[in-house]
Amino acid sequence: MESIDALSRRLALQTTQAVWGYVRVSTEGQEDNQSLPMQREAIEKFCAEKKLAAPQFIEEVASAAKPLWIVNLPGTPPEEEVSQSSPRPRFLLLLNHLKRVREALNGTAKTHLVVWKLDRLARVDYEQELFLTMFRQDSVILHSVMPTEEHMLDGGHVKDPARAFTRTVLAAASAYERAMIEMRMSAGLAYKASQGGFTGGMPPYGYSTKNGELVIDPYRAQMIRFIYHLRARYKLSLKGIARYIQMHKHQTDKSVYEHSKIGRILKENEPLYRGIYTDTFGTPHQRPDLKILPDDPEALLDYGTETQSQSTESGGLSGEDRHGPSQGAGSSGGDDGPGGPVSGKEPIPEGLFADSPGIVPASGG
């Protein structure tokens, strides 16, 4: 789908295009009888039957459940203000463009806007009548592919009270249908969460999604175990671990390992790595299938490798990357500051990731 900037440039070159089609779906993956290709085909067939010119299309993937225009009342607290971005920016561009088309045509041709159904314009009942009023003022003839709706938009009858009432009832029914869909989806997500299921969002590091559920990513799981190994055995700070991983990760690993990311792995995500998943409502659930870390903490100290490692005195890390002897794994003090002396510490193996593509040390547990 073309970008907003590309659409603006295209519209600027089409000021005499008299027939427009607007097609919209709520999500990219919508595959029911409201898909974009289906709407386009229906509109093209309608224009051919009505002897209208071939339409130019504006496509949009956006929900119509939110009003197109929202006004912040004076005195609204900052935390209650709504975003000024349009929920349907392409439709808003089209509305403004239709005024320019009418001015460019200057009465030489009528301007038409064709939609598959009126709820493609909006699912907020009062907005549909607002759009009809705007179109009448701008001499834009609105068409619906649906015969019953087209009848209610027919010429001079569009202002007929009975037809306006029917349109309002249908628009309210559309809004009700949308609300019921949202309610069923919310109930379904709440039930899935109560069973410890994944309800969406960005998967934490170490996991991916399959069929809507979290699954362990094997490579990143091994990386997580190695990060905990570096923390437990070598007492590295967050910055020290991040620097070491960033230096020695495999070239195919495009992740950027900053100290904040290491902090999330070692602190925020640890319960999940130990098989305790917290749902969106804050309730913890036992998920042994998501466990990455071994039950025995000592296993991380004797972390085995399947690669031939090269030892260096510091593994590319300076003394400030280590914790002092009293700062054990999981310690919260001094994560980002200088550590204690490094005498007596064994060297960190180097090249664990670069030597063997896609292989990192397996957990000793």
Protein backbone atom coordinates (compact mmCIF):
# COMPACT_ATOMS: atom_id res chain seq x y z
CA MET A 1 0.00 0.00 0.00
CA GLU A 2 1.33 3.43 -0.96
CA SER A 3 2.56 5.78 1.74
CA ILE A 4 0.76 8.95 2.78
CA ASP A 5 3.35 11.06 0.95
CA ALA A 6 2.98 9.01 -2.24
CA LEU A 7 -0.80 9.28 -2.01
CA SER A 8 -0.59 13.06 -1.59
CA ARG A 9 1.57 13.32 -4.69
CA ARG A 10 -0.82 11.14 -6.66
CA LEU A 11 -3.84 13.18 -5.62
CA ALA A 12 -2.08 16.40 -6.61
CA LEU A 13 -1.90 15.08 -10.19
CA GLN A 14 -5.54 13.96 -10.36
CA THR A 15 -7.56 17.14 -9.81
CA THR A 16 -9.91 16.34 -12.72
CA GLN A 17 -10.62 12.72 -11.78
CA ALA A 18 -14.39 12.69 -11.23
CA VAL A 19 -15.00 9.14 -9.88
CA TRP A 20 -13.35 7.84 -6.72
CA GLY A 21 -13.63 4.58 -4.84
CA TYR A 22 -12.79 4.24 -1.17
CA VAL A 23 -12.08 0.76 0.19
CA ARG A 24 -11.19 -0.03 3.78
CA VAL A 25 -10.52 -3.02 6.02
CA SER A 26 -9.73 -3.01 9.72
CA THR A 27 -6.67 -5.27 9.56
CA GLU A 28 -4.12 -6.38 6.96
CA GLY A 29 -5.05 -10.05 7.39
CA GLN A 30 -8.78 -9.58 6.85
CA GLU A 31 -9.86 -12.39 4.55
CA ASP A 32 -13.64 -12.37 4.80
CA ASN A 33 -16.11 -10.90 2.34
CA GLN A 34 -14.90 -7.38 3.10
CA SER A 35 -11.38 -7.78 1.71
CA LEU A 36 -9.84 -4.95 -0.32
CA PRO A 37 -9.80 -6.83 -3.67
CA MET A 38 -13.44 -7.85 -3.23
CA GLN A 39 -14.49 -4.25 -2.52
CA ARG A 40 -12.53 -2.94 -5.50
CA GLU A 41 -14.11 -5.49 -7.84
CA ALA A 42 -17.62 -4.68 -6.60
CA ILE A 43 -17.07 -0.93 -7.02
CA GLU A 44 -15.65 -1.35 -10.55
CA LYS A 45 -18.67 -3.47 -11.53
CA PHE A 46 -21.05 -0.87 -10.03
CA CYS A 47 -19.40 1.97 -11.96
CA ALA A 48 -19.63 0.02 -15.21
CA GLU A 49 -23.34 -0.68 -14.65
CA LYS A 50 -24.05 2.98 -13.81
CA LYS A 51 -22.07 4.19 -16.86
CA LEU A 52 -19.57 6.00 -14.61
CA ALA A 53 -15.92 6.47 -15.50
CA ALA A 54 -13.37 4.01 -14.19
CA PRO A 55 -12.72 4.93 -10.56
CA GLN A 56 -9.45 5.83 -8.90
CA PHE A 57 -9.08 4.02 -5.58
CA ILE A 58 -7.98 5.03 -2.12
CA GLU A 59 -7.18 2.00 0.03
CA GLU A 60 -6.92 2.08 3.80
CA VAL A 61 -6.23 -0.39 6.58
CA ALA A 62 -7.74 1.20 9.67
CA SER A 63 -10.62 0.82 12.08
CA ALA A 64 -13.67 3.04 11.59
CA ALA A 65 -14.80 2.61 15.20
CA LYS A 66 -13.13 5.89 16.20
CA PRO A 67 -14.49 9.29 15.08
CA LEU A 68 -12.55 10.94 12.27
CA TRP A 69 -12.39 14.23 14.15
CA ILE A 70 -11.89 14.50 17.90
CA VAL A 71 -11.88 17.82 19.76
CA ASN A 72 -10.13 18.37 23.08
CA LEU A 73 -12.41 20.56 25.16
CA PRO A 74 -10.82 23.58 26.90
CA GLY A 75 -9.49 22.66 30.32
CA THR A 76 -9.01 18.98 29.51
CA PRO A 77 -6.23 17.56 31.74
CA PRO A 78 -3.13 16.62 29.70
CA GLU A 79 -3.45 12.95 30.69
CA GLU A 80 -6.98 12.85 29.21
CA GLU A 81 -6.18 14.57 25.93
CA VAL A 82 -6.53 12.43 22.82
CA SER A 83 -4.06 12.08 19.98
CA GLN A 84 -4.39 14.60 17.19
CA SER A 85 -3.46 12.03 14.54
CA SER A 86 -6.32 10.94 12.32
CA PRO A 87 -7.50 7.33 12.72
CA ARG A 88 -8.09 7.25 8.93
CA PRO A 89 -5.55 9.62 7.36
CA ARG A 90 -6.12 8.45 3.77
CA PHE A 91 -9.86 9.06 3.98
CA LEU A 92 -9.19 12.52 5.41
CA LEU A 93 -6.90 13.26 2.45
CA LEU A 94 -9.65 12.10 0.09
CA LEU A 95 -12.24 14.37 1.70
CA ASN A 96 -10.00 17.39 1.23
CA HIS A 97 -9.15 16.33 -2.31
CA LEU A 98 -12.80 16.04 -3.36
CA LYS A 99 -13.23 19.76 -2.71
CA ARG A 100 -10.31 20.55 -5.00
CA VAL A 101 -11.76 18.25 -7.67
CA ARG A 102 -15.10 20.08 -7.58
CA GLU A 103 -13.32 23.42 -7.96
CA ALA A 104 -11.15 22.10 -10.81
CA LEU A 105 -14.13 20.64 -12.71
CA ASN A 106 -16.11 23.87 -12.15
CA GLY A 107 -19.43 22.25 -13.00
CA THR A 108 -18.22 20.51 -16.14
CA ALA A 109 -18.72 17.09 -14.53
CA LYS A 110 -20.18 15.67 -11.36
CA THR A 111 -17.93 14.23 -8.66
CA HIS A 112 -18.72 10.73 -7.40
CA LEU A 113 -17.53 8.75 -4.39
CA VAL A 114 -18.34 5.03 -4.38
CA VAL A 115 -18.06 2.73 -1.36
CA TRP A 116 -18.93 -0.91 -0.86
CA LYS A 117 -21.08 -0.14 2.19
CA LEU A 118 -21.66 3.01 4.22
CA ASP A 119 -19.92 1.47 7.21
CA ARG A 120 -16.69 1.68 5.17
CA LEU A 121 -16.90 5.44 5.79
CA ALA A 122 -17.60 5.16 9.51
CA ARG A 123 -18.99 2.88 12.17
CA VAL A 124 -19.93 5.84 14.33
CA ASP A 125 -23.60 6.49 13.56
CA TYR A 126 -23.62 10.29 13.66
CA GLU A 127 -20.54 10.52 11.40
CA GLN A 128 -22.33 8.97 8.45
CA GLU A 129 -24.96 11.72 8.39
CA LEU A 130 -22.21 14.30 8.88
CA PHE A 131 -20.41 12.98 5.80
CA LEU A 132 -23.62 13.02 3.77
CA THR A 133 -24.14 16.67 4.70
CA MET A 134 -20.56 17.51 3.71
CA PHE A 135 -20.91 15.72 0.39
CA ARG A 136 -24.14 17.55 -0.43
CA GLN A 137 -22.48 20.88 0.33
CA ASP A 138 -19.50 19.99 -1.87
CA SER A 139 -21.71 18.61 -4.68
CA VAL A 140 -20.21 15.14 -4.28
CA ILE A 141 -22.58 12.29 -5.12
CA LEU A 142 -22.13 9.37 -2.72
CA HIS A 143 -22.89 5.83 -3.92
CA SER A 144 -23.10 2.53 -2.08
CA VAL A 145 -22.73 -0.77 -3.90
CA MET A 146 -25.41 -2.24 -1.60
CA PRO A 147 -28.80 -1.75 -3.39
CA THR A 148 -30.74 -0.92 -0.19
CA GLU A 149 -28.22 1.73 0.81
CA GLU A 150 -28.01 3.15 -2.71
CA HIS A 151 -31.79 3.57 -2.63
CA MET A 152 -31.46 5.67 0.55
CA LEU A 153 -28.85 7.87 -1.15
CA ASP A 154 -30.83 8.36 -4.35
CA GLY A 155 -30.79 11.94 -5.57
CA GLY A 156 -33.32 14.32 -4.05
CA HIS A 157 -34.59 11.63 -1.68
CA VAL A 158 -31.41 11.68 0.38
CA LYS A 159 -32.92 14.25 2.77
CA ASP A 160 -36.20 12.37 3.13
CA PRO A 161 -36.82 11.96 6.91
CA ALA A 162 -37.82 8.30 6.58
CA ARG A 163 -34.67 7.47 4.65
CA ALA A 164 -32.51 9.49 7.02
CA PHE A 165 -34.09 7.61 9.94
CA THR A 166 -33.40 4.27 8.25
CA ARG A 167 -29.79 5.23 7.60
CA THR A 168 -29.39 6.21 11.25
CA VAL A 169 -30.85 2.90 12.42
CA LEU A 170 -28.54 0.93 10.13
CA ALA A 171 -25.56 2.97 11.25
CA ALA A 172 -26.48 2.31 14.89
CA ALA A 173 -26.76 -1.40 14.07
CA SER A 174 -23.29 -1.29 12.52
CA ALA A 175 -21.90 0.41 15.63
CA TYR A 176 -23.63 -2.22 17.78
CA GLU A 177 -22.15 -5.03 15.69
CA ARG A 178 -18.68 -3.53 16.10
CA ALA A 179 -19.14 -3.19 19.87
CA MET A 180 -20.29 -6.82 20.12
CA ILE A 181 -17.25 -7.99 18.15
CA GLU A 182 -14.96 -6.04 20.48
CA MET A 183 -16.72 -7.45 23.53
CA ARG A 184 -16.39 -11.04 22.31
CA MET A 185 -12.73 -10.50 21.47
CA SER A 186 -12.07 -8.98 24.91
CA ALA A 187 -13.84 -11.86 26.60
CA GLY A 188 -11.83 -14.35 24.55
CA LEU A 189 -8.54 -12.66 25.40
CA ALA A 190 -9.48 -12.49 29.08
CA TYR A 191 -10.25 -16.23 29.10
CA LYS A 192 -7.01 -17.04 27.29
CA ALA A 193 -5.08 -14.92 29.78
CA SER A 194 -6.77 -16.68 32.69
CA GLN A 195 -5.44 -19.97 31.30
CA GLY A 196 -1.91 -18.58 31.09
CA GLY A 197 -2.03 -18.04 27.33
CA PHE A 198 -0.22 -15.32 25.42
CA THR A 199 -2.55 -12.44 24.51
CA GLY A 200 -0.39 -10.43 22.16
CA GLY A 201 2.34 -7.84 22.17
CA MET A 202 6.08 -8.05 21.54
CA PRO A 203 7.46 -11.45 22.58
CA PRO A 204 10.14 -11.14 25.29
CA TYR A 205 13.71 -11.83 24.25
CA GLY A 206 14.20 -15.58 23.99
CA TYR A 207 10.78 -16.31 22.50
CA SER A 208 8.85 -16.08 19.26
CA THR A 209 5.21 -16.69 18.45
CA LYS A 210 3.65 -19.65 16.67
CA ASN A 211 -0.11 -19.89 16.10
CA GLY A 212 -0.62 -17.05 18.55
CA GLU A 213 1.38 -18.66 21.38
CA LEU A 214 4.82 -18.09 22.83
CA VAL A 215 7.47 -20.67 21.94
CA ILE A 216 11.13 -20.80 22.87
CA ASP A 217 13.63 -19.53 20.30
CA PRO A 218 16.49 -22.10 20.53
CA TYR A 219 19.35 -19.77 19.62
CA ARG A 220 18.25 -16.95 21.92
CA ALA A 221 17.50 -19.40 24.71
CA GLN A 222 21.11 -20.54 24.62
CA MET A 223 22.22 -16.90 24.52
CA ILE A 224 20.15 -16.22 27.64
CA ARG A 225 21.75 -19.12 29.49
CA PHE A 226 25.18 -17.86 28.51
CA ILE A 227 24.35 -14.33 29.72
CA TYR A 228 23.34 -15.77 33.10
CA HIS A 229 26.55 -17.81 33.07
CA LEU A 230 28.65 -14.67 32.54
CA ARG A 231 26.84 -13.00 35.40
CA ALA A 232 27.09 -15.96 37.81
CA ARG A 233 30.64 -17.09 37.14
CA TYR A 234 32.52 -13.98 36.08
CA LYS A 235 30.50 -11.38 38.06
CA LEU A 236 30.28 -9.01 35.08
CA SER A 237 28.29 -5.78 35.20
CA LEU A 238 25.43 -5.17 32.78
CA LYS A 239 27.68 -3.07 30.58
CA GLY A 240 30.40 -5.70 30.75
CA ILE A 241 28.06 -8.45 29.60
CA ALA A 242 26.62 -6.25 26.86
CA ARG A 243 30.09 -5.34 25.61
CA TYR A 244 31.26 -8.94 25.62
CA ILE A 245 28.17 -10.31 23.85
CA GLN A 246 28.20 -7.51 21.29
CA MET A 247 31.88 -8.21 20.52
CA HIS A 248 31.63 -12.00 20.25
CA LYS A 249 28.10 -12.76 19.02
CA HIS A 250 27.71 -14.59 15.74
CA GLN A 251 27.63 -12.37 12.66
CA THR A 252 24.10 -13.51 11.78
CA ASP A 253 22.79 -12.23 15.11
CA LYS A 254 21.43 -8.75 14.31
CA SER A 255 20.30 -7.98 17.87
CA VAL A 256 21.94 -5.02 19.59
CA TYR A 257 22.97 -5.96 23.12
CA GLU A 258 22.93 -2.80 25.24
CA HIS A 259 23.16 -2.81 29.02
CA SER A 260 19.44 -1.98 29.28
CA LYS A 261 18.61 -5.09 27.25
CA ILE A 262 20.88 -7.20 29.46
CA GLY A 263 19.13 -5.70 32.50
CA ARG A 264 15.73 -6.79 31.21
CA ILE A 265 17.07 -10.27 30.51
CA LEU A 266 18.62 -10.64 33.99
CA LYS A 267 15.91 -8.96 36.05
CA GLU A 268 12.53 -8.29 34.41
CA ASN A 269 12.38 -11.50 32.37
CA GLU A 270 13.90 -13.91 34.89
CA PRO A 271 10.54 -15.24 36.24
CA LEU A 272 9.49 -16.09 32.68
CA TYR A 273 12.82 -17.78 31.98
CA ARG A 274 12.12 -19.91 35.05
CA GLY A 275 8.69 -20.93 33.75
CA ILE A 276 6.43 -18.35 35.43
CA TYR A 277 4.40 -16.38 32.90
CA THR A 278 2.54 -13.23 34.06
CA ASP A 279 -0.52 -12.38 31.98
CA THR A 280 -1.68 -8.89 30.99
CA PHE A 281 -3.76 -8.67 34.17
CA GLY A 282 -0.75 -9.31 36.40
CA THR A 283 -1.61 -12.90 37.34
CA PRO A 284 1.31 -15.38 37.35
CA HIS A 285 0.94 -18.81 35.73
CA GLN A 286 3.16 -21.88 35.76
CA ARG A 287 4.42 -22.46 32.20
CA PRO A 288 7.11 -25.15 32.28
CA ASP A 289 7.09 -25.23 28.48
CA LEU A 290 8.56 -21.72 28.51
CA LYS A 291 11.37 -22.51 30.98
CA ILE A 292 14.83 -21.60 29.71
CA LEU A 293 16.97 -21.46 32.85
CA PRO A 294 17.89 -24.63 34.77
CA ASP A 295 16.42 -25.21 38.25
CA ASP A 296 19.86 -25.63 39.80
CA PRO A 297 21.69 -22.24 39.95
CA GLU A 298 25.01 -24.07 40.20
CA ALA A 299 24.47 -25.42 36.69
CA LEU A 300 25.14 -21.97 35.29
CA LEU A 301 28.58 -21.89 36.94
CA ASP A 302 29.74 -24.98 35.05
CA TYR A 303 28.39 -23.89 31.70
CA GLY A 304 29.79 -26.33 29.11
CA THR A 305 30.80 -25.46 25.55
CA GLU A 306 30.75 -27.47 22.37
CA THR A 307 33.23 -25.19 20.67
CA GLN A 308 36.95 -24.86 21.04
CA SER A 309 37.38 -21.62 22.97
CA GLN A 310 40.36 -19.40 23.05
CA SER A 311 41.31 -17.97 26.44
CA THR A 312 42.56 -14.48 26.96
CA GLU A 313 43.48 -12.75 30.16
CA SER A 314 40.39 -10.53 30.14
CA GLY A 315 38.30 -11.76 27.21
CA GLY A 316 38.38 -8.25 25.72
CA LEU A 317 36.94 -6.71 28.90
CA SER A 318 38.62 -4.29 31.26
CA GLY A 319 38.55 -4.59 35.04
CA GLU A 320 35.72 -2.09 35.32
CA ASP A 321 33.39 -4.59 33.63
CA ARG A 322 33.61 -6.97 36.58
CA HIS A 323 31.82 -6.91 39.90
CA GLY A 324 33.72 -7.19 43.14
CA PRO A 325 33.88 -10.58 44.89
CA SER A 326 30.90 -9.73 47.09
CA GLN A 327 28.59 -8.91 44.19
CA GLY A 328 27.16 -12.23 43.11
CA ALA A 329 24.87 -13.10 40.24
CA GLY A 330 21.62 -11.21 40.31
CA SER A 331 23.06 -8.47 42.57
CA SER A 332 21.44 -5.11 42.02
CA GLY A 333 24.28 -2.99 43.33
CA GLY A 334 26.95 -1.51 41.06
CA ASP A 335 25.52 -2.87 37.82
CA ASP A 336 26.79 0.01 35.75
CA GLY A 337 29.65 1.32 37.83
CA PRO A 338 33.27 0.12 38.28
CA GLY A 339 33.63 -3.27 39.86
CA GLY A 340 36.17 -4.52 42.35
CA PRO A 341 39.59 -6.01 41.73
CA VAL A 342 39.92 -8.73 39.13
CA SER A 343 42.83 -10.63 40.62
CA GLY A 344 42.15 -14.30 40.95
CA LYS A 345 39.38 -14.26 38.36
CA GLU A 346 39.64 -16.81 35.61
CA PRO A 347 39.79 -15.57 32.03
CA ILE A 348 36.62 -15.41 29.97
CA PRO A 349 36.67 -17.59 26.86
CA GLU A 350 36.60 -15.67 23.62
CA GLY A 351 35.03 -16.50 20.27
CA LEU A 352 32.20 -18.66 21.59
CA PHE A 353 29.79 -17.31 19.03
CA ALA A 354 32.00 -16.41 16.11
CA ASP A 355 33.69 -19.81 15.86
CA SER A 356 30.59 -21.91 15.25
CA PRO A 357 27.71 -20.45 13.23
CA GLY A 358 24.41 -20.64 15.05
CA ILE A 359 25.93 -22.50 18.02
CA VAL A 360 26.36 -21.14 21.51
CA PRO A 361 27.26 -23.12 24.62
CA ALA A 362 24.59 -25.47 25.90
CA SER A 363 23.43 -25.16 29.49
CA GLY A 364 25.27 -27.33 31.93
CA GLY A 365 21.94 -28.06 33.59
